[in-house]
Amino acid sequence: MLAGDDAVTAVDYDGDLDVVVVRTRSESSYEQKLQRKIRTSGCAQGTIFGDIMERFDDIRLDTAAEVRCSWLQSLFLQIGRQPSLYQKAGAIHGCVLCERDRPLVYMEDVGRHNAVDKIAGYMHRHGLGGRDKIFYTTGRLTSEMVIKTVQMEIPILVSRSGFTAWGVDLARRAGLTLIGRARGQRFIVLSGGERLVYDLDFAKAAADDGLDPREQGRSKRSGEKSADSAP
């Protein structure tokens, strides 16, 4: 609701109405924004307001960014070994901000969107840009997840989970590299495959997985084809 140059003058909480009132120095157009609602594709059927999609279309992600298969493999291993609340309690989502093959910060929350917001807050607080980063999440690749990643100007989004049709559509619309079902040495490229650099020895990867190299090759090609035709 707030623009980047808005100055907040006061924040009040009304316990009777259970409402938080935020006052700004300049007049806000929030009432007009609230009249425009879009249902999202997450499991909770969330709502986004106002001109979010208009601003979404104005964001230009770095077309020169790349992601190497070797980086992904290294990240999957490192993130899998990361101590987490999920290992102790379950029902926790995690998000990781990465640069090349290095995890920079790991955040967890019971809500996957809250975990994303924690990463966004960390980036803002520490002055980190997103153009050369990779974003990893344990949650599904929904429209909300794609929108938040694009807003952070991160060109590559990876998840070990599945995806929604609108999430894939928005990723393609924004030029975001979207990678789903990323586990071990396998993943599906759903959009932005031009950023991917295939620098792994797939015969060795197949041997590590205990598979016939020819079968591994077919699996990789099949994954790329299914990514291009994903709903």
C-alpha atoms as a PDB file:
ATOM      1  CA  MET A   1       0.000   0.000   0.000  1.00  0.00           C
ATOM      2  CA  LEU A   2       2.934   2.360   0.662  1.00  0.00           C
ATOM      3  CA  ALA A   3       5.138   3.841  -2.023  1.00  0.00           C
ATOM      4  CA  GLY A   4       8.893   3.823  -1.580  1.00  0.00           C
ATOM      5  CA  ASP A   5       9.001   7.529  -0.696  1.00  0.00           C
ATOM      6  CA  ASP A   6       6.028   7.522   1.707  1.00  0.00           C
ATOM      7  CA  ALA A   7       6.802   8.791   5.213  1.00  0.00           C
ATOM      8  CA  VAL A   8       4.954   7.038   8.058  1.00  0.00           C
ATOM      9  CA  THR A   9       3.987   9.543  10.750  1.00  0.00           C
ATOM     10  CA  ALA A  10       2.081   7.287  13.163  1.00  0.00           C
ATOM     11  CA  VAL A  11       0.932   3.719  13.762  1.00  0.00           C
ATOM     12  CA  ASP A  12      -2.106   3.170  16.009  1.00  0.00           C
ATOM     13  CA  TYR A  13      -3.789  -0.040  17.153  1.00  0.00           C
ATOM     14  CA  ASP A  14      -7.490  -0.197  18.014  1.00  0.00           C
ATOM     15  CA  GLY A  15      -8.019  -3.192  20.294  1.00  0.00           C
ATOM     16  CA  ASP A  16     -11.820  -2.956  20.131  1.00  0.00           C
ATOM     17  CA  LEU A  17     -11.931  -3.178  16.344  1.00  0.00           C
ATOM     18  CA  ASP A  18      -8.734  -5.217  16.060  1.00  0.00           C
ATOM     19  CA  VAL A  19      -7.440  -2.749  13.461  1.00  0.00           C
ATOM     20  CA  VAL A  20      -4.018  -1.210  12.856  1.00  0.00           C
ATOM     21  CA  VAL A  21      -4.102   2.345  11.449  1.00  0.00           C
ATOM     22  CA  VAL A  22      -1.015   3.601   9.620  1.00  0.00           C
ATOM     23  CA  ARG A  23      -0.809   7.347   8.966  1.00  0.00           C
ATOM     24  CA  THR A  24       1.403   8.802   6.243  1.00  0.00           C
ATOM     25  CA  ARG A  25       2.581  12.326   5.521  1.00  0.00           C
ATOM     26  CA  SER A  26       1.065  12.319   2.038  1.00  0.00           C
ATOM     27  CA  GLU A  27      -2.402  11.232   0.935  1.00  0.00           C
ATOM     28  CA  SER A  28      -2.732   7.563  -0.039  1.00  0.00           C
ATOM     29  CA  SER A  29      -4.806   5.988  -2.816  1.00  0.00           C
ATOM     30  CA  TYR A  30      -5.339   2.785  -0.818  1.00  0.00           C
ATOM     31  CA  GLU A  31      -9.134   2.928  -1.122  1.00  0.00           C
ATOM     32  CA  GLN A  32      -8.887   2.741  -4.912  1.00  0.00           C
ATOM     33  CA  LYS A  33      -6.374  -0.090  -4.660  1.00  0.00           C
ATOM     34  CA  LEU A  34      -8.625  -2.095  -2.337  1.00  0.00           C
ATOM     35  CA  GLN A  35     -11.367  -2.058  -4.963  1.00  0.00           C
ATOM     36  CA  ARG A  36      -9.221  -4.164  -7.302  1.00  0.00           C
ATOM     37  CA  LYS A  37      -8.803  -7.716  -6.044  1.00  0.00           C
ATOM     38  CA  ILE A  38      -7.097 -10.726  -7.631  1.00  0.00           C
ATOM     39  CA  ARG A  39      -7.354 -14.246  -6.246  1.00  0.00           C
ATOM     40  CA  THR A  40      -4.026 -16.054  -6.032  1.00  0.00           C
ATOM     41  CA  SER A  41      -3.262 -19.711  -6.722  1.00  0.00           C
ATOM     42  CA  GLY A  42      -1.959 -20.711  -3.283  1.00  0.00           C
ATOM     43  CA  CYS A  43      -3.737 -23.305  -1.168  1.00  0.00           C
ATOM     44  CA  ALA A  44      -5.202 -20.570   1.066  1.00  0.00           C
ATOM     45  CA  GLN A  45      -6.696 -18.686  -1.932  1.00  0.00           C
ATOM     46  CA  GLY A  46      -5.126 -15.391  -0.942  1.00  0.00           C
ATOM     47  CA  THR A  47      -5.883 -11.969  -2.372  1.00  0.00           C
ATOM     48  CA  ILE A  48      -3.619  -9.308  -3.828  1.00  0.00           C
ATOM     49  CA  PHE A  49      -4.753  -5.730  -4.274  1.00  0.00           C
ATOM     50  CA  GLY A  50      -4.261  -2.715  -6.438  1.00  0.00           C
ATOM     51  CA  ASP A  51      -1.565  -2.199  -8.996  1.00  0.00           C
ATOM     52  CA  ILE A  52       0.672  -5.116  -7.984  1.00  0.00           C
ATOM     53  CA  MET A  53       0.296  -6.824 -11.356  1.00  0.00           C
ATOM     54  CA  GLU A  54       0.922  -3.570 -13.214  1.00  0.00           C
ATOM     55  CA  ARG A  55       4.172  -3.089 -11.310  1.00  0.00           C
ATOM     56  CA  PHE A  56       4.935  -6.785 -11.833  1.00  0.00           C
ATOM     57  CA  ASP A  57       4.921  -6.259 -15.603  1.00  0.00           C
ATOM     58  CA  ASP A  58       7.281  -3.283 -15.286  1.00  0.00           C
ATOM     59  CA  ILE A  59      10.050  -5.289 -13.580  1.00  0.00           C
ATOM     60  CA  ARG A  60      12.880  -6.421 -15.849  1.00  0.00           C
ATOM     61  CA  LEU A  61      14.898  -9.383 -14.594  1.00  0.00           C
ATOM     62  CA  ASP A  62      18.561  -9.741 -15.511  1.00  0.00           C
ATOM     63  CA  THR A  63      18.718 -11.668 -18.791  1.00  0.00           C
ATOM     64  CA  ALA A  64      22.471 -12.205 -18.375  1.00  0.00           C
ATOM     65  CA  ALA A  65      22.035 -14.166 -15.134  1.00  0.00           C
ATOM     66  CA  GLU A  66      22.840 -17.873 -15.302  1.00  0.00           C
ATOM     67  CA  VAL A  67      22.490 -20.952 -13.143  1.00  0.00           C
ATOM     68  CA  ARG A  68      24.774 -23.943 -13.530  1.00  0.00           C
ATOM     69  CA  CYS A  69      23.619 -27.487 -12.894  1.00  0.00           C
ATOM     70  CA  SER A  70      26.682 -27.948 -10.692  1.00  0.00           C
ATOM     71  CA  TRP A  71      25.573 -25.000  -8.555  1.00  0.00           C
ATOM     72  CA  LEU A  72      22.121 -26.517  -8.135  1.00  0.00           C
ATOM     73  CA  GLN A  73      23.532 -29.896  -7.154  1.00  0.00           C
ATOM     74  CA  SER A  74      25.814 -28.275  -4.578  1.00  0.00           C
ATOM     75  CA  LEU A  75      22.987 -26.138  -3.195  1.00  0.00           C
ATOM     76  CA  PHE A  76      20.651 -29.118  -2.836  1.00  0.00           C
ATOM     77  CA  LEU A  77      23.290 -30.968  -0.814  1.00  0.00           C
ATOM     78  CA  GLN A  78      24.144 -27.998   1.416  1.00  0.00           C
ATOM     79  CA  ILE A  79      20.535 -27.028   2.058  1.00  0.00           C
ATOM     80  CA  GLY A  80      19.606 -30.635   2.816  1.00  0.00           C
ATOM     81  CA  ARG A  81      22.265 -30.725   5.532  1.00  0.00           C
ATOM     82  CA  GLN A  82      21.180 -27.424   7.068  1.00  0.00           C
ATOM     83  CA  PRO A  83      19.870 -27.849  10.653  1.00  0.00           C
ATOM     84  CA  SER A  84      16.246 -26.762  10.657  1.00  0.00           C
ATOM     85  CA  LEU A  85      13.064 -26.623  12.709  1.00  0.00           C
ATOM     86  CA  TYR A  86      11.466 -28.845  10.078  1.00  0.00           C
ATOM     87  CA  GLN A  87      13.726 -31.722  11.097  1.00  0.00           C
ATOM     88  CA  LYS A  88      12.606 -31.301  14.713  1.00  0.00           C
ATOM     89  CA  ALA A  89       8.939 -30.425  14.383  1.00  0.00           C
ATOM     90  CA  GLY A  90       7.788 -30.716  10.762  1.00  0.00           C
ATOM     91  CA  ALA A  91       5.131 -28.434   9.212  1.00  0.00           C
ATOM     92  CA  ILE A  92       7.736 -25.723   8.626  1.00  0.00           C
ATOM     93  CA  HIS A  93       8.665 -24.039   5.347  1.00  0.00           C
ATOM     94  CA  GLY A  94      12.161 -22.841   4.561  1.00  0.00           C
ATOM     95  CA  CYS A  95      13.559 -20.299   2.096  1.00  0.00           C
ATOM     96  CA  VAL A  96      17.195 -19.780   1.171  1.00  0.00           C
ATOM     97  CA  LEU A  97      18.868 -16.844  -0.551  1.00  0.00           C
ATOM     98  CA  CYS A  98      21.791 -18.125  -2.612  1.00  0.00           C
ATOM     99  CA  GLU A  99      24.597 -16.707  -4.728  1.00  0.00           C
ATOM    100  CA  ARG A 100      26.058 -19.103  -7.291  1.00  0.00           C
ATOM    101  CA  ASP A 101      26.638 -22.316  -5.267  1.00  0.00           C
ATOM    102  CA  ARG A 102      26.619 -20.628  -1.830  1.00  0.00           C
ATOM    103  CA  PRO A 103      23.611 -20.386   0.508  1.00  0.00           C
ATOM    104  CA  LEU A 104      23.719 -16.903   2.055  1.00  0.00           C
ATOM    105  CA  VAL A 105      20.821 -16.930   4.506  1.00  0.00           C
ATOM    106  CA  TYR A 106      18.213 -19.515   5.560  1.00  0.00           C
ATOM    107  CA  MET A 107      14.816 -18.498   6.952  1.00  0.00           C
ATOM    108  CA  GLU A 108      11.959 -20.663   8.246  1.00  0.00           C
ATOM    109  CA  ASP A 109       8.314 -20.100   9.162  1.00  0.00           C
ATOM    110  CA  VAL A 110       5.074 -22.046   9.458  1.00  0.00           C
ATOM    111  CA  GLY A 111       3.874 -20.059   6.422  1.00  0.00           C
ATOM    112  CA  ARG A 112       5.911 -20.223   3.221  1.00  0.00           C
ATOM    113  CA  HIS A 113       5.008 -16.639   2.344  1.00  0.00           C
ATOM    114  CA  ASN A 114       6.244 -15.427   5.730  1.00  0.00           C
ATOM    115  CA  ALA A 115       9.545 -17.192   5.096  1.00  0.00           C
ATOM    116  CA  VAL A 116       9.827 -15.357   1.766  1.00  0.00           C
ATOM    117  CA  ASP A 117       9.081 -12.036   3.461  1.00  0.00           C
ATOM    118  CA  LYS A 118      11.842 -12.700   5.992  1.00  0.00           C
ATOM    119  CA  ILE A 119      14.306 -13.099   3.122  1.00  0.00           C
ATOM    120  CA  ALA A 120      13.008  -9.897   1.502  1.00  0.00           C
ATOM    121  CA  GLY A 121      13.409  -8.047   4.793  1.00  0.00           C
ATOM    122  CA  TYR A 122      16.942  -9.380   5.237  1.00  0.00           C
ATOM    123  CA  MET A 123      17.874  -8.214   1.738  1.00  0.00           C
ATOM    124  CA  HIS A 124      16.436  -4.750   2.354  1.00  0.00           C
ATOM    125  CA  ARG A 125      18.085  -4.387   5.753  1.00  0.00           C
ATOM    126  CA  HIS A 126      21.499  -5.444   4.464  1.00  0.00           C
ATOM    127  CA  GLY A 127      21.314  -3.655   1.124  1.00  0.00           C
ATOM    128  CA  LEU A 128      21.473  -6.832  -0.974  1.00  0.00           C
ATOM    129  CA  GLY A 129      20.360  -6.776  -4.593  1.00  0.00           C
ATOM    130  CA  GLY A 130      18.630  -9.726  -6.199  1.00  0.00           C
ATOM    131  CA  ARG A 131      19.896  -9.597  -9.779  1.00  0.00           C
ATOM    132  CA  ASP A 132      22.690 -12.136  -9.219  1.00  0.00           C
ATOM    133  CA  LYS A 133      20.867 -14.318  -6.680  1.00  0.00           C
ATOM    134  CA  ILE A 134      19.065 -17.670  -6.675  1.00  0.00           C
ATOM    135  CA  PHE A 135      15.998 -18.150  -4.487  1.00  0.00           C
ATOM    136  CA  TYR A 136      15.265 -21.610  -3.081  1.00  0.00           C
ATOM    137  CA  THR A 137      12.045 -22.573  -1.323  1.00  0.00           C
ATOM    138  CA  THR A 138      10.621 -25.760   0.120  1.00  0.00           C
ATOM    139  CA  GLY A 139       7.098 -24.599  -0.741  1.00  0.00           C
ATOM    140  CA  ARG A 140       5.079 -25.000  -3.908  1.00  0.00           C
ATOM    141  CA  LEU A 141       5.696 -22.630  -6.804  1.00  0.00           C
ATOM    142  CA  THR A 142       2.442 -20.688  -6.597  1.00  0.00           C
ATOM    143  CA  SER A 143       1.585 -17.330  -8.134  1.00  0.00           C
ATOM    144  CA  GLU A 144       2.355 -15.581  -4.830  1.00  0.00           C
ATOM    145  CA  MET A 145       5.801 -17.163  -4.687  1.00  0.00           C
ATOM    146  CA  VAL A 146       6.574 -16.066  -8.241  1.00  0.00           C
ATOM    147  CA  ILE A 147       5.286 -12.521  -7.670  1.00  0.00           C
ATOM    148  CA  LYS A 148       7.372 -12.059  -4.519  1.00  0.00           C
ATOM    149  CA  THR A 149      10.516 -13.389  -6.211  1.00  0.00           C
ATOM    150  CA  VAL A 150      10.076 -11.056  -9.181  1.00  0.00           C
ATOM    151  CA  GLN A 151       9.469  -8.123  -6.822  1.00  0.00           C
ATOM    152  CA  MET A 152      12.846  -8.902  -5.219  1.00  0.00           C
ATOM    153  CA  GLU A 153      14.330  -8.860  -8.768  1.00  0.00           C
ATOM    154  CA  ILE A 154      15.717 -12.374  -8.315  1.00  0.00           C
ATOM    155  CA  PRO A 155      15.882 -14.063 -11.753  1.00  0.00           C
ATOM    156  CA  ILE A 156      15.954 -17.710 -10.616  1.00  0.00           C
ATOM    157  CA  LEU A 157      13.443 -19.510  -8.368  1.00  0.00           C
ATOM    158  CA  VAL A 158      13.920 -23.143  -7.333  1.00  0.00           C
ATOM    159  CA  SER A 159      11.722 -25.471  -5.282  1.00  0.00           C
ATOM    160  CA  ARG A 160      11.844 -29.102  -4.257  1.00  0.00           C
ATOM    161  CA  SER A 161       8.045 -29.106  -4.467  1.00  0.00           C
ATOM    162  CA  GLY A 162       5.497 -28.873  -7.262  1.00  0.00           C
ATOM    163  CA  PHE A 163       3.962 -25.904  -9.033  1.00  0.00           C
ATOM    164  CA  THR A 164       0.663 -24.341 -10.075  1.00  0.00           C
ATOM    165  CA  ALA A 165      -0.424 -23.436 -13.601  1.00  0.00           C
ATOM    166  CA  TRP A 166      -0.689 -19.733 -12.807  1.00  0.00           C
ATOM    167  CA  GLY A 167       2.700 -19.763 -11.106  1.00  0.00           C
ATOM    168  CA  VAL A 168       4.257 -21.129 -14.300  1.00  0.00           C
ATOM    169  CA  ASP A 169       2.334 -18.653 -16.480  1.00  0.00           C
ATOM    170  CA  LEU A 170       3.505 -15.687 -14.399  1.00  0.00           C
ATOM    171  CA  ALA A 171       7.106 -16.919 -14.414  1.00  0.00           C
ATOM    172  CA  ARG A 172       7.070 -17.094 -18.220  1.00  0.00           C
ATOM    173  CA  ARG A 173       5.410 -13.688 -18.394  1.00  0.00           C
ATOM    174  CA  ALA A 174       8.162 -12.161 -16.232  1.00  0.00           C
ATOM    175  CA  GLY A 175      11.087 -14.022 -17.810  1.00  0.00           C
ATOM    176  CA  LEU A 176      11.801 -15.808 -14.515  1.00  0.00           C
ATOM    177  CA  THR A 177      13.739 -19.074 -14.524  1.00  0.00           C
ATOM    178  CA  LEU A 178      11.464 -21.483 -12.650  1.00  0.00           C
ATOM    179  CA  ILE A 179      12.740 -24.883 -11.509  1.00  0.00           C
ATOM    180  CA  GLY A 180      10.499 -27.353  -9.690  1.00  0.00           C
ATOM    181  CA  ARG A 181      10.685 -30.808  -8.102  1.00  0.00           C
ATOM    182  CA  ALA A 182      14.386 -30.261  -7.438  1.00  0.00           C
ATOM    183  CA  ARG A 183      15.696 -33.259  -5.528  1.00  0.00           C
ATOM    184  CA  GLY A 184      19.127 -34.826  -5.680  1.00  0.00           C
ATOM    185  CA  GLN A 185      20.278 -34.554  -9.279  1.00  0.00           C
ATOM    186  CA  ARG A 186      16.836 -34.187 -10.818  1.00  0.00           C
ATOM    187  CA  PHE A 187      14.641 -31.183 -11.513  1.00  0.00           C
ATOM    188  CA  ILE A 188      12.133 -29.792 -14.016  1.00  0.00           C
ATOM    189  CA  VAL A 189      12.792 -26.501 -15.812  1.00  0.00           C
ATOM    190  CA  LEU A 190       9.396 -24.831 -16.215  1.00  0.00           C
ATOM    191  CA  SER A 191      10.458 -21.492 -17.679  1.00  0.00           C
ATOM    192  CA  GLY A 192      13.577 -19.480 -18.444  1.00  0.00           C
ATOM    193  CA  GLY A 193      15.628 -22.498 -19.499  1.00  0.00           C
ATOM    194  CA  GLU A 194      17.996 -20.262 -21.470  1.00  0.00           C
ATOM    195  CA  ARG A 195      19.736 -19.314 -18.200  1.00  0.00           C
ATOM    196  CA  LEU A 196      20.617 -22.934 -17.407  1.00  0.00           C
ATOM    197  CA  VAL A 197      24.185 -24.109 -18.050  1.00  0.00           C
ATOM    198  CA  TYR A 198      24.521 -27.906 -18.329  1.00  0.00           C
ATOM    199  CA  ASP A 199      28.009 -28.355 -16.905  1.00  0.00           C
ATOM    200  CA  LEU A 200      27.534 -31.700 -15.112  1.00  0.00           C
ATOM    201  CA  ASP A 201      28.766 -35.091 -16.239  1.00  0.00           C
ATOM    202  CA  PHE A 202      25.387 -36.791 -16.470  1.00  0.00           C
ATOM    203  CA  ALA A 203      26.953 -40.228 -16.910  1.00  0.00           C
ATOM    204  CA  LYS A 204      28.697 -39.778 -13.549  1.00  0.00           C
ATOM    205  CA  ALA A 205      25.519 -38.363 -12.030  1.00  0.00           C
ATOM    206  CA  ALA A 206      23.627 -41.426 -13.210  1.00  0.00           C
ATOM    207  CA  ALA A 207      26.248 -43.705 -11.679  1.00  0.00           C
ATOM    208  CA  ASP A 208      25.965 -41.807  -8.399  1.00  0.00           C
ATOM    209  CA  ASP A 209      22.193 -42.371  -8.528  1.00  0.00           C
ATOM    210  CA  GLY A 210      22.678 -46.029  -9.408  1.00  0.00           C
ATOM    211  CA  LEU A 211      21.017 -45.568 -12.813  1.00  0.00           C
ATOM    212  CA  ASP A 212      21.893 -46.579 -16.350  1.00  0.00           C
ATOM    213  CA  PRO A 213      23.436 -43.440 -17.993  1.00  0.00           C
ATOM    214  CA  ARG A 214      21.169 -43.914 -21.022  1.00  0.00           C
ATOM    215  CA  GLU A 215      18.138 -43.907 -18.732  1.00  0.00           C
ATOM    216  CA  GLN A 216      19.406 -40.768 -16.992  1.00  0.00           C
ATOM    217  CA  GLY A 217      19.768 -39.020 -20.328  1.00  0.00           C
ATOM    218  CA  ARG A 218      16.226 -39.906 -21.290  1.00  0.00           C
ATOM    219  CA  SER A 219      15.034 -38.635 -17.935  1.00  0.00           C
ATOM    220  CA  LYS A 220      16.752 -35.285 -18.445  1.00  0.00           C
ATOM    221  CA  ARG A 221      15.380 -34.853 -21.953  1.00  0.00           C
ATOM    222  CA  SER A 222      11.929 -35.911 -20.830  1.00  0.00           C
ATOM    223  CA  GLY A 223      12.055 -33.374 -18.003  1.00  0.00           C
ATOM    224  CA  GLU A 224      12.924 -30.552 -20.397  1.00  0.00           C
ATOM    225  CA  LYS A 225      10.129 -31.529 -22.754  1.00  0.00           C
ATOM    226  CA  SER A 226       7.558 -31.744 -20.004  1.00  0.00           C
ATOM    227  CA  ALA A 227       8.738 -28.371 -18.693  1.00  0.00           C
ATOM    228  CA  ASP A 228       8.079 -26.747 -22.068  1.00  0.00           C
ATOM    229  CA  SER A 229       4.592 -28.210 -22.156  1.00  0.00           C
ATOM    230  CA  ALA A 230       3.741 -27.702 -18.487  1.00  0.00           C
ATOM    231  CA  PRO A 231       0.285 -26.273 -17.839  1.00  0.00           C
END
